[in-house]
C-alpha atoms as a PDB file:
ATOM      1  CA  MET A   1     130.998  69.824  90.271  1.00  0.00           C
ATOM      2  CA  LEU A   2     127.711  71.510  91.188  1.00  0.00           C
ATOM      3  CA  SER A   3     127.153  74.438  88.847  1.00  0.00           C
ATOM      4  CA  ALA A   4     124.094  75.679  86.998  1.00  0.00           C
ATOM      5  CA  LYS A   5     125.728  74.876  83.658  1.00  0.00           C
ATOM      6  CA  THR A   6     126.645  71.324  84.686  1.00  0.00           C
ATOM      7  CA  LEU A   7     123.187  70.731  86.132  1.00  0.00           C
ATOM      8  CA  PHE A   8     121.309  71.910  83.042  1.00  0.00           C
ATOM      9  CA  GLN A   9     123.672  70.063  80.737  1.00  0.00           C
ATOM     10  CA  GLU A  10     122.899  66.855  82.591  1.00  0.00           C
ATOM     11  CA  ILE A  11     119.155  67.496  82.302  1.00  0.00           C
ATOM     12  CA  LEU A  12     119.535  68.342  78.609  1.00  0.00           C
ATOM     13  CA  ASP A  13     121.511  65.186  77.813  1.00  0.00           C
ATOM     14  CA  ASP A  14     118.969  62.736  79.259  1.00  0.00           C
ATOM     15  CA  ASP A  15     115.701  62.173  77.372  1.00  0.00           C
ATOM     16  CA  GLU A  16     113.538  61.610  80.446  1.00  0.00           C
ATOM     17  CA  SER A  17     114.796  64.619  82.396  1.00  0.00           C
ATOM     18  CA  PHE A  18     114.642  66.805  79.274  1.00  0.00           C
ATOM     19  CA  ARG A  19     111.075  65.657  78.633  1.00  0.00           C
ATOM     20  CA  LEU A  20     110.020  66.535  82.174  1.00  0.00           C
ATOM     21  CA  PHE A  21     111.767  69.926  82.020  1.00  0.00           C
ATOM     22  CA  CYS A  22     110.132  70.845  78.697  1.00  0.00           C
ATOM     23  CA  SER A  23     106.720  69.519  79.795  1.00  0.00           C
ATOM     24  CA  ILE A  24     106.774  71.691  82.908  1.00  0.00           C
ATOM     25  CA  ALA A  25     107.901  74.724  80.908  1.00  0.00           C
ATOM     26  CA  ALA A  26     105.365  74.186  78.104  1.00  0.00           C
ATOM     27  CA  SER A  27     102.495  73.790  80.561  1.00  0.00           C
ATOM     28  CA  GLY A  28     103.394  76.959  82.439  1.00  0.00           C
ATOM     29  CA  GLU A  29     103.728  78.991  79.252  1.00  0.00           C
ATOM     30  CA  ALA A  30     100.395  77.734  77.916  1.00  0.00           C
ATOM     31  CA  GLN A  31      98.715  78.657  81.200  1.00  0.00           C
ATOM     32  CA  GLY A  32     100.252  82.120  81.029  1.00  0.00           C
ATOM     33  CA  GLY A  33      98.953  82.473  77.482  1.00  0.00           C
ATOM     34  CA  TRP A  34      95.416  81.656  78.577  1.00  0.00           C
ATOM     35  CA  GLU A  35      95.557  84.056  81.520  1.00  0.00           C
ATOM     36  CA  ASN A  36      96.755  86.951  79.382  1.00  0.00           C
ATOM     37  CA  ALA A  37      94.141  86.263  76.715  1.00  0.00           C
ATOM     38  CA  ARG A  38      91.366  86.383  79.297  1.00  0.00           C
ATOM     39  CA  ILE A  39      92.740  89.553  80.901  1.00  0.00           C
ATOM     40  CA  ALA A  40      92.932  91.228  77.485  1.00  0.00           C
ATOM     41  CA  ALA A  41      89.279  90.336  76.873  1.00  0.00           C
ATOM     42  CA  LEU A  42      88.185  91.774  80.225  1.00  0.00           C
ATOM     43  CA  VAL A  43      90.269  94.964  80.387  1.00  0.00           C
ATOM     44  CA  PRO A  44      88.198  97.877  81.755  1.00  0.00           C
ATOM     45  CA  ARG A  45      87.147 100.605  79.330  1.00  0.00           C
ATOM     46  CA  SER A  46      89.608 103.106  80.803  1.00  0.00           C
ATOM     47  CA  GLU A  47      92.535 100.753  80.050  1.00  0.00           C
ATOM     48  CA  ARG A  48      91.486  99.491  76.610  1.00  0.00           C
ATOM     49  CA  ALA A  49      94.690 100.855  75.074  1.00  0.00           C
ATOM     50  CA  LEU A  50      96.527  98.207  77.111  1.00  0.00           C
ATOM     51  CA  ALA A  51      94.582  95.286  75.608  1.00  0.00           C
ATOM     52  CA  PRO A  52      96.757  94.810  72.474  1.00  0.00           C
ATOM     53  CA  LYS A  53      99.885  94.638  74.633  1.00  0.00           C
ATOM     54  CA  ILE A  54      98.318  92.087  76.961  1.00  0.00           C
ATOM     55  CA  THR A  55      97.255  90.093  73.904  1.00  0.00           C
ATOM     56  CA  ARG A  56     100.822  90.259  72.568  1.00  0.00           C
ATOM     57  CA  HIS A  57     102.100  89.068  75.935  1.00  0.00           C
ATOM     58  CA  GLY A  58      99.749  86.095  75.831  1.00  0.00           C
ATOM     59  CA  SER A  59     100.691  85.284  72.237  1.00  0.00           C
ATOM     60  CA  ASP A  60     104.356  85.210  73.218  1.00  0.00           C
ATOM     61  CA  GLU A  61     103.607  82.814  76.084  1.00  0.00           C
ATOM     62  CA  ASP A  62     101.656  80.534  73.735  1.00  0.00           C
ATOM     63  CA  LYS A  63     104.586  80.625  71.315  1.00  0.00           C
ATOM     64  CA  HIS A  64     106.991  79.614  74.076  1.00  0.00           C
ATOM     65  CA  GLY A  65     104.776  76.659  74.941  1.00  0.00           C
ATOM     66  CA  ARG A  66     104.863  75.533  71.310  1.00  0.00           C
ATOM     67  CA  ILE A  67     108.633  75.917  71.227  1.00  0.00           C
ATOM     68  CA  PHE A  68     109.146  73.671  74.256  1.00  0.00           C
ATOM     69  CA  THR A  69     106.781  71.104  72.738  1.00  0.00           C
ATOM     70  CA  ALA A  70     108.656  71.291  69.425  1.00  0.00           C
ATOM     71  CA  LEU A  71     111.983  70.726  71.200  1.00  0.00           C
ATOM     72  CA  MET A  72     110.562  67.495  72.582  1.00  0.00           C
ATOM     73  CA  ASN A  73     109.191  66.494  69.188  1.00  0.00           C
ATOM     74  CA  LYS A  74     112.624  66.958  67.593  1.00  0.00           C
ATOM     75  CA  ARG A  75     113.907  64.228  69.904  1.00  0.00           C
ATOM     76  CA  GLY A  76     110.919  61.977  69.383  1.00  0.00           C
ATOM     77  CA  LEU A  77     109.579  62.689  72.861  1.00  0.00           C
ATOM     78  CA  ARG A  78     106.010  63.310  73.985  1.00  0.00           C
ATOM     79  CA  PRO A  79     104.989  65.524  76.913  1.00  0.00           C
ATOM     80  CA  VAL A  80     104.424  63.947  80.308  1.00  0.00           C
ATOM     81  CA  PRO A  81     101.876  65.010  82.950  1.00  0.00           C
ATOM     82  CA  VAL A  82     103.205  67.833  85.101  1.00  0.00           C
ATOM     83  CA  PRO A  83     103.511  66.833  88.776  1.00  0.00           C
ATOM     84  CA  PRO A  84     101.276  69.239  90.737  1.00  0.00           C
ATOM     85  CA  GLU A  85     104.073  70.198  93.137  1.00  0.00           C
ATOM     86  CA  THR A  86     106.162  71.446  90.177  1.00  0.00           C
ATOM     87  CA  ASP A  87     103.389  73.548  88.604  1.00  0.00           C
ATOM     88  CA  TYR A  88     104.691  77.056  89.365  1.00  0.00           C
ATOM     89  CA  THR A  89     101.895  78.909  87.565  1.00  0.00           C
ATOM     90  CA  MET A  90      99.055  77.017  89.220  1.00  0.00           C
ATOM     91  CA  LEU A  91     100.662  77.183  92.654  1.00  0.00           C
ATOM     92  CA  LEU A  92     100.921  80.965  92.349  1.00  0.00           C
ATOM     93  CA  GLU A  93      97.226  81.163  91.496  1.00  0.00           C
ATOM     94  CA  ARG A  94      96.293  78.778  94.303  1.00  0.00           C
ATOM     95  CA  HIS A  95      98.139  80.964  96.816  1.00  0.00           C
ATOM     96  CA  GLY A  96      96.364  84.112  95.701  1.00  0.00           C
ATOM     97  CA  VAL A  97      99.159  85.582  93.578  1.00  0.00           C
ATOM     98  CA  GLY A  98      97.751  87.431  90.575  1.00  0.00           C
ATOM     99  CA  LEU A  99      94.129  87.315  89.451  1.00  0.00           C
ATOM    100  CA  ALA A 100      92.016  84.323  90.447  1.00  0.00           C
ATOM    101  CA  HIS A 101      90.983  82.020  87.620  1.00  0.00           C
ATOM    102  CA  GLU A 102      87.368  82.226  88.759  1.00  0.00           C
ATOM    103  CA  LYS A 103      87.462  85.939  88.003  1.00  0.00           C
ATOM    104  CA  LEU A 104      89.098  85.356  84.617  1.00  0.00           C
ATOM    105  CA  LYS A 105      86.515  82.737  83.639  1.00  0.00           C
ATOM    106  CA  ALA A 106      83.667  85.144  84.350  1.00  0.00           C
ATOM    107  CA  GLU A 107      82.477  87.790  81.893  1.00  0.00           C
ATOM    108  CA  GLN A 108      82.611  90.745  84.249  1.00  0.00           C
ATOM    109  CA  PRO A 109      85.012  93.523  83.201  1.00  0.00           C
ATOM    110  CA  LEU A 110      88.081  93.871  85.364  1.00  0.00           C
ATOM    111  CA  THR A 111      88.811  96.995  87.398  1.00  0.00           C
ATOM    112  CA  VAL A 112      91.858  99.227  87.270  1.00  0.00           C
ATOM    113  CA  GLN A 113      92.886  97.687  90.605  1.00  0.00           C
ATOM    114  CA  ASP A 114      92.742  94.266  88.935  1.00  0.00           C
ATOM    115  CA  ILE A 115      95.076  95.571  86.227  1.00  0.00           C
ATOM    116  CA  VAL A 116      97.449  96.790  88.944  1.00  0.00           C
ATOM    117  CA  VAL A 117      97.444  93.302  90.476  1.00  0.00           C
ATOM    118  CA  TYR A 118      97.993  91.696  87.056  1.00  0.00           C
ATOM    119  CA  LEU A 119     100.915  93.965  86.190  1.00  0.00           C
ATOM    120  CA  ALA A 120     102.519  93.571  89.631  1.00  0.00           C
ATOM    121  CA  HIS A 121     102.243  89.788  89.345  1.00  0.00           C
ATOM    122  CA  SER A 122     103.719  89.933  85.841  1.00  0.00           C
ATOM    123  CA  ARG A 123     106.537  92.270  86.895  1.00  0.00           C
ATOM    124  CA  VAL A 124     107.629  89.818  89.631  1.00  0.00           C
ATOM    125  CA  THR A 125     107.283  86.600  87.641  1.00  0.00           C
ATOM    126  CA  GLU A 126     108.825  88.093  84.498  1.00  0.00           C
ATOM    127  CA  GLN A 127     111.831  89.123  86.579  1.00  0.00           C
ATOM    128  CA  ARG A 128     112.292  85.469  87.473  1.00  0.00           C
ATOM    129  CA  ALA A 129     111.728  84.307  83.895  1.00  0.00           C
ATOM    130  CA  ALA A 130     114.093  86.889  82.416  1.00  0.00           C
ATOM    131  CA  GLU A 131     116.863  85.970  84.867  1.00  0.00           C
ATOM    132  CA  GLN A 132     116.487  82.268  84.198  1.00  0.00           C
ATOM    133  CA  MET A 133     116.521  82.718  80.436  1.00  0.00           C
ATOM    134  CA  ARG A 134     119.552  85.020  80.555  1.00  0.00           C
ATOM    135  CA  MET A 135     121.381  82.313  82.455  1.00  0.00           C
ATOM    136  CA  LEU A 136     120.382  79.682  79.886  1.00  0.00           C
ATOM    137  CA  ARG A 137     121.336  82.062  77.062  1.00  0.00           C
ATOM    138  CA  THR A 138     124.786  82.518  78.627  1.00  0.00           C
ATOM    139  CA  TYR A 139     125.414  78.778  78.861  1.00  0.00           C
ATOM    140  CA  PHE A 140     123.420  77.397  75.930  1.00  0.00           C
ATOM    141  CA  GLY A 141     122.804  80.299  73.556  1.00  0.00           C
ATOM    142  CA  ASP A 142     125.050  78.648  70.965  1.00  0.00           C
ATOM    143  CA  HIS A 143     123.868  75.087  71.576  1.00  0.00           C
ATOM    144  CA  PRO A 144     123.016  73.387  68.250  1.00  0.00           C
ATOM    145  CA  ASP A 145     119.696  71.975  69.494  1.00  0.00           C
ATOM    146  CA  VAL A 146     118.278  74.509  71.947  1.00  0.00           C
ATOM    147  CA  GLY A 147     120.310  77.677  71.357  1.00  0.00           C
ATOM    148  CA  ARG A 148     117.928  79.379  68.957  1.00  0.00           C
ATOM    149  CA  ALA A 149     114.929  78.658  71.153  1.00  0.00           C
ATOM    150  CA  VAL A 150     116.733  79.949  74.243  1.00  0.00           C
ATOM    151  CA  ARG A 151     117.723  83.194  72.515  1.00  0.00           C
ATOM    152  CA  MET A 152     114.214  83.786  71.177  1.00  0.00           C
ATOM    153  CA  ILE A 153     112.476  83.164  74.512  1.00  0.00           C
ATOM    154  CA  SER A 154     115.050  85.214  76.413  1.00  0.00           C
ATOM    155  CA  ASN A 155     114.473  88.210  74.150  1.00  0.00           C
ATOM    156  CA  ASP A 156     110.711  87.908  74.664  1.00  0.00           C
ATOM    157  CA  GLU A 157     111.064  87.714  78.452  1.00  0.00           C
ATOM    158  CA  ASP A 158     113.180  90.874  78.444  1.00  0.00           C
ATOM    159  CA  ASN A 159     110.420  92.577  76.440  1.00  0.00           C
ATOM    160  CA  HIS A 160     107.776  91.416  78.915  1.00  0.00           C
ATOM    161  CA  LEU A 161     109.752  92.747  81.854  1.00  0.00           C
ATOM    162  CA  ALA A 162     110.298  96.103  80.147  1.00  0.00           C
ATOM    163  CA  TYR A 163     106.570  96.366  79.400  1.00  0.00           C
ATOM    164  CA  CYS A 164     105.670  95.735  83.053  1.00  0.00           C
ATOM    165  CA  HIS A 165     108.051  98.440  84.267  1.00  0.00           C
ATOM    166  CA  GLU A 166     106.719 100.988  81.797  1.00  0.00           C
ATOM    167  CA  GLU A 167     103.039 100.316  82.461  1.00  0.00           C
ATOM    168  CA  LEU A 168     103.427 100.247  86.244  1.00  0.00           C
ATOM    169  CA  LEU A 169     105.277 103.572  86.120  1.00  0.00           C
ATOM    170  CA  ARG A 170     102.433 104.991  84.025  1.00  0.00           C
ATOM    171  CA  LEU A 171      99.891 103.859  86.602  1.00  0.00           C
ATOM    172  CA  THR A 172     102.071 105.216  89.407  1.00  0.00           C
ATOM    173  CA  ARG A 173     101.963 108.641  87.783  1.00  0.00           C
ATOM    174  CA  ALA A 174      98.172 108.250  87.548  1.00  0.00           C
ATOM    175  CA  GLY A 175      97.961 107.988  91.349  1.00  0.00           C
ATOM    176  CA  HIS A 176      98.110 104.228  91.950  1.00  0.00           C
ATOM    177  CA  GLY A 177     101.548 104.218  93.577  1.00  0.00           C
ATOM    178  CA  PRO A 178     100.534 102.944  97.048  1.00  0.00           C
ATOM    179  CA  ALA A 179      98.462 100.075  95.585  1.00  0.00           C
ATOM    180  CA  ILE A 180     101.285  99.153  93.213  1.00  0.00           C
ATOM    181  CA  ARG A 181     103.907  99.088  95.971  1.00  0.00           C
ATOM    182  CA  HIS A 182     101.678  96.916  98.154  1.00  0.00           C
ATOM    183  CA  ALA A 183     100.888  94.523  95.316  1.00  0.00           C
ATOM    184  CA  LEU A 184     104.537  94.209  94.301  1.00  0.00           C
ATOM    185  CA  ARG A 185     105.745  93.467  97.827  1.00  0.00           C
ATOM    186  CA  THR A 186     102.982  90.947  98.527  1.00  0.00           C
ATOM    187  CA  CYS A 187     103.555  89.170  95.241  1.00  0.00           C
ATOM    188  CA  ALA A 188     107.351  89.103  95.556  1.00  0.00           C
ATOM    189  CA  LEU A 189     107.336  87.603  99.047  1.00  0.00           C
ATOM    190  CA  ALA A 190     104.870  84.922  97.993  1.00  0.00           C
ATOM    191  CA  GLU A 191     106.714  84.188  94.731  1.00  0.00           C
ATOM    192  CA  ILE A 192     110.104  83.549  96.331  1.00  0.00           C
ATOM    193  CA  ARG A 193     108.533  81.003  98.687  1.00  0.00           C
ATOM    194  CA  ILE A 194     106.679  79.222  95.900  1.00  0.00           C
ATOM    195  CA  TYR A 195     109.766  79.297  93.671  1.00  0.00           C
ATOM    196  CA  ARG A 196     111.743  77.627  96.454  1.00  0.00           C
ATOM    197  CA  ASP A 197     109.134  74.897  96.881  1.00  0.00           C
ATOM    198  CA  VAL A 198     108.846  74.287  93.135  1.00  0.00           C
ATOM    199  CA  SER A 199     112.634  74.206  92.750  1.00  0.00           C
ATOM    200  CA  LEU A 200     112.907  71.591  95.491  1.00  0.00           C
ATOM    201  CA  ALA A 201     110.176  69.501  93.866  1.00  0.00           C
ATOM    202  CA  VAL A 202     111.700  69.721  90.379  1.00  0.00           C
ATOM    203  CA  MET A 203     115.156  68.801  91.668  1.00  0.00           C
ATOM    204  CA  ALA A 204     113.696  65.840  93.573  1.00  0.00           C
ATOM    205  CA  HIS A 205     112.105  64.531  90.376  1.00  0.00           C
ATOM    206  CA  MET A 206     115.285  65.134  88.384  1.00  0.00           C
ATOM    207  CA  GLY A 207     117.333  63.391  91.029  1.00  0.00           C
ATOM    208  CA  ARG A 208     115.205  60.280  90.786  1.00  0.00           C
ATOM    209  CA  ILE A 209     115.378  60.268  86.974  1.00  0.00           C
ATOM    210  CA  LEU A 210     119.126  60.875  86.831  1.00  0.00           C
ATOM    211  CA  GLY A 211     120.055  58.716  89.796  1.00  0.00           C
ATOM    212  CA  TRP A 212     121.673  61.417  91.897  1.00  0.00           C
ATOM    213  CA  SER A 213     123.271  60.379  95.140  1.00  0.00           C
ATOM    214  CA  THR A 214     121.737  61.362  98.463  1.00  0.00           C
ATOM    215  CA  THR A 215     124.689  63.656  99.070  1.00  0.00           C
ATOM    216  CA  ARG A 216     124.313  65.453  95.752  1.00  0.00           C
ATOM    217  CA  SER A 217     120.560  65.869  96.223  1.00  0.00           C
ATOM    218  CA  ALA A 218     121.127  67.242  99.716  1.00  0.00           C
ATOM    219  CA  LEU A 219     123.699  69.738  98.442  1.00  0.00           C
ATOM    220  CA  LEU A 220     121.336  70.957  95.729  1.00  0.00           C
ATOM    221  CA  ALA A 221     118.492  71.299  98.245  1.00  0.00           C
ATOM    222  CA  ALA A 222     120.801  73.250 100.562  1.00  0.00           C
ATOM    223  CA  GLY A 223     121.656  75.577  97.682  1.00  0.00           C
ATOM    224  CA  ILE A 224     117.976  76.189  96.955  1.00  0.00           C
ATOM    225  CA  HIS A 225     117.328  76.984 100.609  1.00  0.00           C
ATOM    226  CA  ALA A 226     120.335  79.336 100.635  1.00  0.00           C
ATOM    227  CA  VAL A 227     118.964  81.233  97.636  1.00  0.00           C
ATOM    228  CA  TYR A 228     115.614  81.521  99.381  1.00  0.00           C
ATOM    229  CA  GLY A 229     117.318  82.806 102.524  1.00  0.00           C
ATOM    230  CA  TYR A 230     119.032  85.540 100.528  1.00  0.00           C
ATOM    231  CA  GLU A 231     115.845  86.434  98.669  1.00  0.00           C
ATOM    232  CA  ARG A 232     113.803  86.517 101.866  1.00  0.00           C
ATOM    233  CA  ALA A 233     116.335  88.815 103.529  1.00  0.00           C
ATOM    234  CA  ALA A 234     116.989  91.248 100.697  1.00  0.00           C
ATOM    235  CA  GLY A 235     116.894  89.733  97.208  1.00  0.00           C
ATOM    236  CA  TRP A 236     113.136  90.195  96.820  1.00  0.00           C
ATOM    237  CA  ARG A 237     113.691  93.941  96.542  1.00  0.00           C
ATOM    238  CA  ARG A 238     115.021  93.557  92.980  1.00  0.00           C
ATOM    239  CA  MET A 239     111.535  92.337  92.055  1.00  0.00           C
ATOM    240  CA  VAL A 240     109.686  95.407  93.295  1.00  0.00           C
ATOM    241  CA  SER A 241     111.803  98.298  92.055  1.00  0.00           C
ATOM    242  CA  LEU A 242     110.556 100.238  89.039  1.00  0.00           C
ATOM    243  CA  ARG A 243     112.648 102.086  86.477  1.00  0.00           C
ATOM    244  CA  MET A 244     111.985 103.276  82.963  1.00  0.00           C
ATOM    245  CA  PRO A 245     113.321 100.540  80.651  1.00  0.00           C
ATOM    246  CA  GLU A 246     115.651 101.063  77.712  1.00  0.00           C
ATOM    247  CA  ARG A 247     113.173  99.083  75.601  1.00  0.00           C
ATOM    248  CA  ARG A 248     110.211 101.447  75.311  1.00  0.00           C
ATOM    249  CA  ASP A 249     106.847 100.178  74.073  1.00  0.00           C
ATOM    250  CA  ALA A 250     108.359  96.686  74.031  1.00  0.00           C
ATOM    251  CA  LEU A 251     105.013  94.995  73.310  1.00  0.00           C
ATOM    252  CA  GLY A 252     103.673  97.671  71.009  1.00  0.00           C
ATOM    253  CA  GLY A 253     104.069  95.685  67.797  1.00  0.00           C
ATOM    254  CA  PRO A 254     102.661  92.419  66.496  1.00  0.00           C
ATOM    255  CA  ALA A 255     103.654  89.163  68.158  1.00  0.00           C
ATOM    256  CA  GLY A 256     106.674  87.459  66.667  1.00  0.00           C
ATOM    257  CA  THR A 257     106.430  84.049  65.062  1.00  0.00           C
ATOM    258  CA  ALA A 258     108.528  80.960  65.444  1.00  0.00           C
ATOM    259  CA  PRO A 259     108.004  79.037  62.177  1.00  0.00           C
ATOM    260  CA  GLU A 260     111.165  77.026  62.694  1.00  0.00           C
ATOM    261  CA  PHE A 261     109.621  75.479  65.806  1.00  0.00           C
ATOM    262  CA  ALA A 262     106.020  75.153  64.620  1.00  0.00           C
END
């Protein structure tokens, strides 16, 4: 039976597939932590009030990376190199989604337009992350090994998404609506394509590790293409809408800790 729950259970039960899954996740979270830290350091003077929230966002991403590493350690596993074709975060950057790393490595202050691009990129990618973690929380929230980690990360991703909505609405009211709408649409259309390609690459690697049949691999690939077809036709719109979240000032406090995973 091909279901998301069955698929993730199979990945979870095998050490090699679990190690690859956690290595990919940990690497992406660590990269997100670095990006947010650099953006917080370069925020323009007019947006300095946003810096603590961006810092909190980055701290959460760093924490998630440590959690995925700790989950491997609990099983006596060490991280493996991330195949380049599965590196979602780096592929987004390479295709011009979000702020270029060259800009983040420099010491020049960012502009308000850069902050718009950053928040639009975050709003789209956090939508994806929040949806994925809600799915994992539904299926594995009570799992004895990964349940606590899944619940913690899922709550953080919901906070990140709420923060992006609230800040983008604030900037819309400040007159940046057209730039925000353009950035959101551009980012969403690029993200769904990259997500499709990364999903195909990850499933190909998992298939080799777990010994999936050609038929099963083909069915999974067809499902990924079907999701992309839906997202390309209409699904991307869920990534660009803005509404005031129920969680207000979601990143206004100090970053949470995860001592049980440290």
